[in-house]
Amino acid sequence: MTGTAPDTTTDNTTATKAGTADATGARLVTDVLQPRNTLLAGMPGIGLAAAGDWTGLPWGLLGAVCAGIVPASYIEWERRRGTWGDRHVVDRRQRAPIFLVILGSIGAGAAVMLLGHAPTGILVAMLALWAMTVVLLAVNTVWKISVDSAVASAVVAMLAAVHSPWWLAGHLVVVAVCWSRVALAYHSVAQTVAGAGLGAATAAVFALR
């Protein structure tokens, strides 16, 4: 009597489809919730709270442009030149120029806000993002901390600080970002958690001002 080998074709196909679905979902999450988009969504709200009316919106948009759009544009420019494969720049040793661009852009934006007498709250948010970037740059020299997780967490934490603690529920978005970065093998769990923790710490500046 001869035995019949188990048919693993169906199991392997199912696992492959599941893996592909996870990767597709993670890619969608990480693209939609990338720092540029997160800042565009959140900084106007911080500016609105800082001014107490609609006049804070332009200042918030300026913050989003300096902290998110300018760095994203620089990354895209370098990608088109062939410097990096995509916007994720998976090799941390190549990331230093990006952090320097972010520091310069946020610094310039903060200077414009200072000269333009922007509401204090949005200027404080910009300085918090600048300080966070300094830490990200320092850590990145030895360890690939997650920038996406840090930015998402910073925006949620600052919105909670200037609006309502209910905004802390937005950390579900941060969890989604962390999951996507790990699922795509861009970061380890520890790297995303460290980024999220650093981002959350930025809200402390509102308690200290």
C-alpha atoms as a PDB file:
ATOM      1  CA  MET A   1       0.000   0.000   0.000  1.00  0.00           C
ATOM      2  CA  THR A   2       1.497   3.308  -1.028  1.00  0.00           C
ATOM      3  CA  GLY A   3       0.855   6.646   0.698  1.00  0.00           C
ATOM      4  CA  THR A   4      -0.275   9.750  -1.118  1.00  0.00           C
ATOM      5  CA  ALA A   5       1.745  12.929  -0.663  1.00  0.00           C
ATOM      6  CA  PRO A   6      -0.338  15.805   0.691  1.00  0.00           C
ATOM      7  CA  ASP A   7      -1.357  18.403  -1.877  1.00  0.00           C
ATOM      8  CA  THR A   8       0.218  21.648  -0.693  1.00  0.00           C
ATOM      9  CA  THR A   9      -0.539  23.607  -3.856  1.00  0.00           C
ATOM     10  CA  THR A  10      -3.707  25.145  -2.462  1.00  0.00           C
ATOM     11  CA  ASP A  11      -2.071  26.056   0.849  1.00  0.00           C
ATOM     12  CA  ASN A  12       0.929  27.672  -0.868  1.00  0.00           C
ATOM     13  CA  THR A  13      -1.292  29.593  -3.266  1.00  0.00           C
ATOM     14  CA  THR A  14      -3.451  30.854  -0.404  1.00  0.00           C
ATOM     15  CA  ALA A  15      -0.387  31.941   1.564  1.00  0.00           C
ATOM     16  CA  THR A  16       1.037  33.736  -1.457  1.00  0.00           C
ATOM     17  CA  LYS A  17      -2.234  35.564  -2.077  1.00  0.00           C
ATOM     18  CA  ALA A  18      -2.452  36.527   1.594  1.00  0.00           C
ATOM     19  CA  GLY A  19       1.114  37.794   1.540  1.00  0.00           C
ATOM     20  CA  THR A  20       0.459  39.780  -1.617  1.00  0.00           C
ATOM     21  CA  ALA A  21      -2.713  41.257  -0.136  1.00  0.00           C
ATOM     22  CA  ASP A  22      -0.849  42.284   3.029  1.00  0.00           C
ATOM     23  CA  ALA A  23       1.920  43.908   0.998  1.00  0.00           C
ATOM     24  CA  THR A  24      -0.594  45.746  -1.180  1.00  0.00           C
ATOM     25  CA  GLY A  25      -2.473  47.011   1.869  1.00  0.00           C
ATOM     26  CA  ALA A  26       0.721  48.047   3.606  1.00  0.00           C
ATOM     27  CA  ARG A  27       1.913  49.874   0.496  1.00  0.00           C
ATOM     28  CA  LEU A  28      -1.396  51.751   0.294  1.00  0.00           C
ATOM     29  CA  VAL A  29      -1.242  52.743   3.955  1.00  0.00           C
ATOM     30  CA  THR A  30       2.375  53.879   3.829  1.00  0.00           C
ATOM     31  CA  ASP A  31       1.777  55.904   0.660  1.00  0.00           C
ATOM     32  CA  VAL A  32      -1.418  57.579   1.855  1.00  0.00           C
ATOM     33  CA  LEU A  33      -0.039  58.335   5.330  1.00  0.00           C
ATOM     34  CA  GLN A  34       3.443  59.401   4.262  1.00  0.00           C
ATOM     35  CA  PRO A  35       4.849  62.465   6.106  1.00  0.00           C
ATOM     36  CA  ARG A  36       3.952  64.903   3.320  1.00  0.00           C
ATOM     37  CA  ASN A  37       0.270  63.984   3.457  1.00  0.00           C
ATOM     38  CA  THR A  38       0.123  63.729   7.239  1.00  0.00           C
ATOM     39  CA  LEU A  39       1.604  67.196   7.627  1.00  0.00           C
ATOM     40  CA  LEU A  40      -0.706  68.657   4.988  1.00  0.00           C
ATOM     41  CA  ALA A  41      -3.670  67.248   6.882  1.00  0.00           C
ATOM     42  CA  GLY A  42      -2.527  68.196  10.369  1.00  0.00           C
ATOM     43  CA  MET A  43      -0.557  71.435  10.300  1.00  0.00           C
ATOM     44  CA  PRO A  44      -3.484  73.650   9.174  1.00  0.00           C
ATOM     45  CA  GLY A  45      -5.397  72.376  12.204  1.00  0.00           C
ATOM     46  CA  ILE A  46      -2.523  73.379  14.466  1.00  0.00           C
ATOM     47  CA  GLY A  47      -2.393  76.796  12.828  1.00  0.00           C
ATOM     48  CA  LEU A  48      -6.154  77.191  13.264  1.00  0.00           C
ATOM     49  CA  ALA A  49      -5.888  76.444  16.978  1.00  0.00           C
ATOM     50  CA  ALA A  50      -2.904  78.761  17.348  1.00  0.00           C
ATOM     51  CA  ALA A  51      -4.721  81.752  15.856  1.00  0.00           C
ATOM     52  CA  GLY A  52      -8.183  80.904  17.133  1.00  0.00           C
ATOM     53  CA  ASP A  53      -9.684  81.596  13.713  1.00  0.00           C
ATOM     54  CA  TRP A  54      -9.174  81.006   9.987  1.00  0.00           C
ATOM     55  CA  THR A  55      -6.160  83.335   9.819  1.00  0.00           C
ATOM     56  CA  GLY A  56      -4.083  80.520  11.266  1.00  0.00           C
ATOM     57  CA  LEU A  57      -4.739  78.264   8.278  1.00  0.00           C
ATOM     58  CA  PRO A  58      -2.191  79.914   5.940  1.00  0.00           C
ATOM     59  CA  TRP A  59       0.463  79.643   8.624  1.00  0.00           C
ATOM     60  CA  GLY A  60      -0.361  75.989   9.065  1.00  0.00           C
ATOM     61  CA  LEU A  61      -0.114  75.427   5.320  1.00  0.00           C
ATOM     62  CA  LEU A  62       3.254  77.180   5.295  1.00  0.00           C
ATOM     63  CA  GLY A  63       4.383  74.780   8.008  1.00  0.00           C
ATOM     64  CA  ALA A  64       3.178  71.816   5.970  1.00  0.00           C
ATOM     65  CA  VAL A  65       4.986  73.057   2.876  1.00  0.00           C
ATOM     66  CA  CYS A  66       8.270  73.580   4.701  1.00  0.00           C
ATOM     67  CA  ALA A  67       8.151  70.400   6.791  1.00  0.00           C
ATOM     68  CA  GLY A  68       6.536  68.095   4.243  1.00  0.00           C
ATOM     69  CA  ILE A  69       6.294  69.310   0.646  1.00  0.00           C
ATOM     70  CA  VAL A  70       9.825  70.671   0.269  1.00  0.00           C
ATOM     71  CA  PRO A  71      11.533  67.524   1.642  1.00  0.00           C
ATOM     72  CA  ALA A  72       9.240  65.268  -0.416  1.00  0.00           C
ATOM     73  CA  SER A  73      10.058  67.281  -3.550  1.00  0.00           C
ATOM     74  CA  TYR A  74      13.768  66.981  -2.828  1.00  0.00           C
ATOM     75  CA  ILE A  75      13.472  63.214  -2.417  1.00  0.00           C
ATOM     76  CA  GLU A  76      11.541  62.951  -5.689  1.00  0.00           C
ATOM     77  CA  TRP A  77      14.154  65.063  -7.474  1.00  0.00           C
ATOM     78  CA  GLU A  78      16.955  62.841  -6.235  1.00  0.00           C
ATOM     79  CA  ARG A  79      14.953  59.737  -7.132  1.00  0.00           C
ATOM     80  CA  ARG A  80      14.532  60.936 -10.697  1.00  0.00           C
ATOM     81  CA  ARG A  81      18.265  61.532 -10.854  1.00  0.00           C
ATOM     82  CA  GLY A  82      18.768  57.908  -9.880  1.00  0.00           C
ATOM     83  CA  THR A  83      20.245  58.643  -6.458  1.00  0.00           C
ATOM     84  CA  TRP A  84      17.644  56.471  -4.723  1.00  0.00           C
ATOM     85  CA  GLY A  85      15.288  53.750  -5.896  1.00  0.00           C
ATOM     86  CA  ASP A  86      12.176  55.300  -4.330  1.00  0.00           C
ATOM     87  CA  ARG A  87      11.067  57.776  -1.700  1.00  0.00           C
ATOM     88  CA  HIS A  88      11.664  55.348   1.148  1.00  0.00           C
ATOM     89  CA  VAL A  89      15.481  55.502   0.896  1.00  0.00           C
ATOM     90  CA  VAL A  90      15.895  52.177   2.639  1.00  0.00           C
ATOM     91  CA  ASP A  91      19.633  52.606   3.231  1.00  0.00           C
ATOM     92  CA  ARG A  92      19.919  54.828   6.305  1.00  0.00           C
ATOM     93  CA  ARG A  93      23.447  55.861   5.267  1.00  0.00           C
ATOM     94  CA  GLN A  94      21.912  57.801   2.379  1.00  0.00           C
ATOM     95  CA  ARG A  95      19.433  59.689   4.527  1.00  0.00           C
ATOM     96  CA  ALA A  96      21.618  62.443   6.023  1.00  0.00           C
ATOM     97  CA  PRO A  97      21.078  64.910   3.121  1.00  0.00           C
ATOM     98  CA  ILE A  98      17.319  64.517   3.518  1.00  0.00           C
ATOM     99  CA  PHE A  99      17.464  65.467   7.185  1.00  0.00           C
ATOM    100  CA  LEU A 100      19.614  68.492   6.359  1.00  0.00           C
ATOM    101  CA  VAL A 101      17.079  69.643   3.766  1.00  0.00           C
ATOM    102  CA  ILE A 102      14.285  69.202   6.314  1.00  0.00           C
ATOM    103  CA  LEU A 103      16.196  71.191   8.932  1.00  0.00           C
ATOM    104  CA  GLY A 104      16.900  73.979   6.471  1.00  0.00           C
ATOM    105  CA  SER A 105      13.344  74.102   5.173  1.00  0.00           C
ATOM    106  CA  ILE A 106      11.707  74.057   8.608  1.00  0.00           C
ATOM    107  CA  GLY A 107      14.218  76.642   9.830  1.00  0.00           C
ATOM    108  CA  ALA A 108      13.389  78.927   6.901  1.00  0.00           C
ATOM    109  CA  GLY A 109       9.673  78.478   7.508  1.00  0.00           C
ATOM    110  CA  ALA A 110      10.069  79.273  11.196  1.00  0.00           C
ATOM    111  CA  ALA A 111      12.031  82.424  10.308  1.00  0.00           C
ATOM    112  CA  VAL A 112       9.235  83.580   8.000  1.00  0.00           C
ATOM    113  CA  MET A 113       6.712  82.914  10.765  1.00  0.00           C
ATOM    114  CA  LEU A 114       8.776  84.874  13.251  1.00  0.00           C
ATOM    115  CA  LEU A 115       9.157  87.840  10.897  1.00  0.00           C
ATOM    116  CA  GLY A 116       5.502  87.659   9.931  1.00  0.00           C
ATOM    117  CA  HIS A 117       4.331  87.575  13.550  1.00  0.00           C
ATOM    118  CA  ALA A 118       2.634  84.215  13.166  1.00  0.00           C
ATOM    119  CA  PRO A 119       0.626  82.856  16.104  1.00  0.00           C
ATOM    120  CA  THR A 120       2.901  81.468  18.790  1.00  0.00           C
ATOM    121  CA  GLY A 121       1.399  77.990  18.674  1.00  0.00           C
ATOM    122  CA  ILE A 122       2.287  77.274  15.048  1.00  0.00           C
ATOM    123  CA  LEU A 123       5.810  78.614  15.561  1.00  0.00           C
ATOM    124  CA  VAL A 124       6.193  76.336  18.566  1.00  0.00           C
ATOM    125  CA  ALA A 125       5.019  73.391  16.441  1.00  0.00           C
ATOM    126  CA  MET A 126       7.639  74.203  13.814  1.00  0.00           C
ATOM    127  CA  LEU A 127      10.390  74.400  16.402  1.00  0.00           C
ATOM    128  CA  ALA A 128       9.232  71.072  17.843  1.00  0.00           C
ATOM    129  CA  LEU A 129       9.448  69.459  14.399  1.00  0.00           C
ATOM    130  CA  TRP A 130      12.895  70.994  13.902  1.00  0.00           C
ATOM    131  CA  ALA A 131      14.107  69.585  17.228  1.00  0.00           C
ATOM    132  CA  MET A 132      12.590  66.197  16.393  1.00  0.00           C
ATOM    133  CA  THR A 133      14.474  66.168  13.098  1.00  0.00           C
ATOM    134  CA  VAL A 134      17.740  66.871  14.900  1.00  0.00           C
ATOM    135  CA  VAL A 135      17.140  63.799  17.064  1.00  0.00           C
ATOM    136  CA  LEU A 136      16.150  61.710  14.035  1.00  0.00           C
ATOM    137  CA  LEU A 137      19.352  62.722  12.278  1.00  0.00           C
ATOM    138  CA  ALA A 138      21.482  61.874  15.307  1.00  0.00           C
ATOM    139  CA  VAL A 139      19.841  58.481  15.835  1.00  0.00           C
ATOM    140  CA  ASN A 140      19.954  57.687  12.127  1.00  0.00           C
ATOM    141  CA  THR A 141      23.754  57.746  12.199  1.00  0.00           C
ATOM    142  CA  VAL A 142      23.680  54.476  14.123  1.00  0.00           C
ATOM    143  CA  TRP A 143      20.147  53.096  13.803  1.00  0.00           C
ATOM    144  CA  LYS A 144      17.360  53.324  11.222  1.00  0.00           C
ATOM    145  CA  ILE A 145      14.595  54.949  13.251  1.00  0.00           C
ATOM    146  CA  SER A 146      11.253  55.371  11.470  1.00  0.00           C
ATOM    147  CA  VAL A 147      10.639  58.906  10.219  1.00  0.00           C
ATOM    148  CA  ASP A 148       7.126  58.103   8.960  1.00  0.00           C
ATOM    149  CA  SER A 149       6.090  56.877  12.411  1.00  0.00           C
ATOM    150  CA  ALA A 150       7.670  59.894  14.094  1.00  0.00           C
ATOM    151  CA  VAL A 151       5.889  62.421  11.883  1.00  0.00           C
ATOM    152  CA  ALA A 152       2.499  60.718  12.153  1.00  0.00           C
ATOM    153  CA  SER A 153       2.789  60.535  15.926  1.00  0.00           C
ATOM    154  CA  ALA A 154       4.001  64.129  16.209  1.00  0.00           C
ATOM    155  CA  VAL A 155       1.060  65.490  14.227  1.00  0.00           C
ATOM    156  CA  VAL A 156      -1.492  63.515  16.253  1.00  0.00           C
ATOM    157  CA  ALA A 157       0.110  64.451  19.578  1.00  0.00           C
ATOM    158  CA  MET A 158       0.292  68.149  18.736  1.00  0.00           C
ATOM    159  CA  LEU A 159      -3.318  68.202  17.530  1.00  0.00           C
ATOM    160  CA  ALA A 160      -4.322  66.616  20.837  1.00  0.00           C
ATOM    161  CA  ALA A 161      -2.306  69.232  22.719  1.00  0.00           C
ATOM    162  CA  VAL A 162      -3.846  72.240  20.968  1.00  0.00           C
ATOM    163  CA  HIS A 163      -7.395  70.992  20.392  1.00  0.00           C
ATOM    164  CA  SER A 164      -8.683  68.121  22.524  1.00  0.00           C
ATOM    165  CA  PRO A 165      -7.409  64.910  24.136  1.00  0.00           C
ATOM    166  CA  TRP A 166      -9.887  63.125  21.871  1.00  0.00           C
ATOM    167  CA  TRP A 167      -7.346  63.611  19.114  1.00  0.00           C
ATOM    168  CA  LEU A 168      -5.258  60.934  20.851  1.00  0.00           C
ATOM    169  CA  ALA A 169      -7.581  58.458  19.147  1.00  0.00           C
ATOM    170  CA  GLY A 170      -5.668  59.423  16.043  1.00  0.00           C
ATOM    171  CA  HIS A 171      -2.882  57.173  17.280  1.00  0.00           C
ATOM    172  CA  LEU A 172      -4.797  54.427  15.488  1.00  0.00           C
ATOM    173  CA  VAL A 173      -3.387  56.074  12.381  1.00  0.00           C
ATOM    174  CA  VAL A 174       0.082  55.909  13.921  1.00  0.00           C
ATOM    175  CA  VAL A 175      -0.386  52.198  14.596  1.00  0.00           C
ATOM    176  CA  ALA A 176      -1.363  51.729  10.955  1.00  0.00           C
ATOM    177  CA  VAL A 177       1.775  53.538   9.813  1.00  0.00           C
ATOM    178  CA  CYS A 178       3.957  51.423  12.102  1.00  0.00           C
ATOM    179  CA  TRP A 179       2.322  48.239  10.826  1.00  0.00           C
ATOM    180  CA  SER A 180       2.829  49.207   7.203  1.00  0.00           C
ATOM    181  CA  ARG A 181       6.505  50.013   7.679  1.00  0.00           C
ATOM    182  CA  VAL A 182       7.132  46.669   9.374  1.00  0.00           C
ATOM    183  CA  ALA A 183       5.002  44.731   6.862  1.00  0.00           C
ATOM    184  CA  LEU A 184       7.021  46.187   3.995  1.00  0.00           C
ATOM    185  CA  ALA A 185      10.274  45.290   5.812  1.00  0.00           C
ATOM    186  CA  TYR A 186      11.418  48.922   5.862  1.00  0.00           C
ATOM    187  CA  HIS A 187      11.729  48.916   9.655  1.00  0.00           C
ATOM    188  CA  SER A 188      11.638  46.651  12.662  1.00  0.00           C
ATOM    189  CA  VAL A 189       8.925  46.946  15.304  1.00  0.00           C
ATOM    190  CA  ALA A 190      11.419  48.618  17.655  1.00  0.00           C
ATOM    191  CA  GLN A 191      12.329  51.230  15.044  1.00  0.00           C
ATOM    192  CA  THR A 192       8.707  52.201  14.447  1.00  0.00           C
ATOM    193  CA  VAL A 193       7.905  52.287  18.170  1.00  0.00           C
ATOM    194  CA  ALA A 194      10.949  54.479  18.816  1.00  0.00           C
ATOM    195  CA  GLY A 195       9.884  56.838  16.031  1.00  0.00           C
ATOM    196  CA  ALA A 196       6.335  57.032  17.357  1.00  0.00           C
ATOM    197  CA  GLY A 197       7.591  57.708  20.872  1.00  0.00           C
ATOM    198  CA  LEU A 198       9.843  60.500  19.676  1.00  0.00           C
ATOM    199  CA  GLY A 199       7.014  62.029  17.685  1.00  0.00           C
ATOM    200  CA  ALA A 200       4.655  61.954  20.668  1.00  0.00           C
ATOM    201  CA  ALA A 201       7.283  63.737  22.761  1.00  0.00           C
ATOM    202  CA  THR A 202       7.067  66.798  20.512  1.00  0.00           C
ATOM    203  CA  ALA A 203       3.755  67.732  22.111  1.00  0.00           C
ATOM    204  CA  ALA A 204       5.592  68.389  25.359  1.00  0.00           C
ATOM    205  CA  VAL A 205       6.698  71.779  24.006  1.00  0.00           C
ATOM    206  CA  PHE A 206       3.120  73.032  24.341  1.00  0.00           C
ATOM    207  CA  ALA A 207       3.133  72.201  28.033  1.00  0.00           C
ATOM    208  CA  LEU A 208       6.448  73.992  28.520  1.00  0.00           C
ATOM    209  CA  ARG A 209       5.701  77.233  26.675  1.00  0.00           C
END
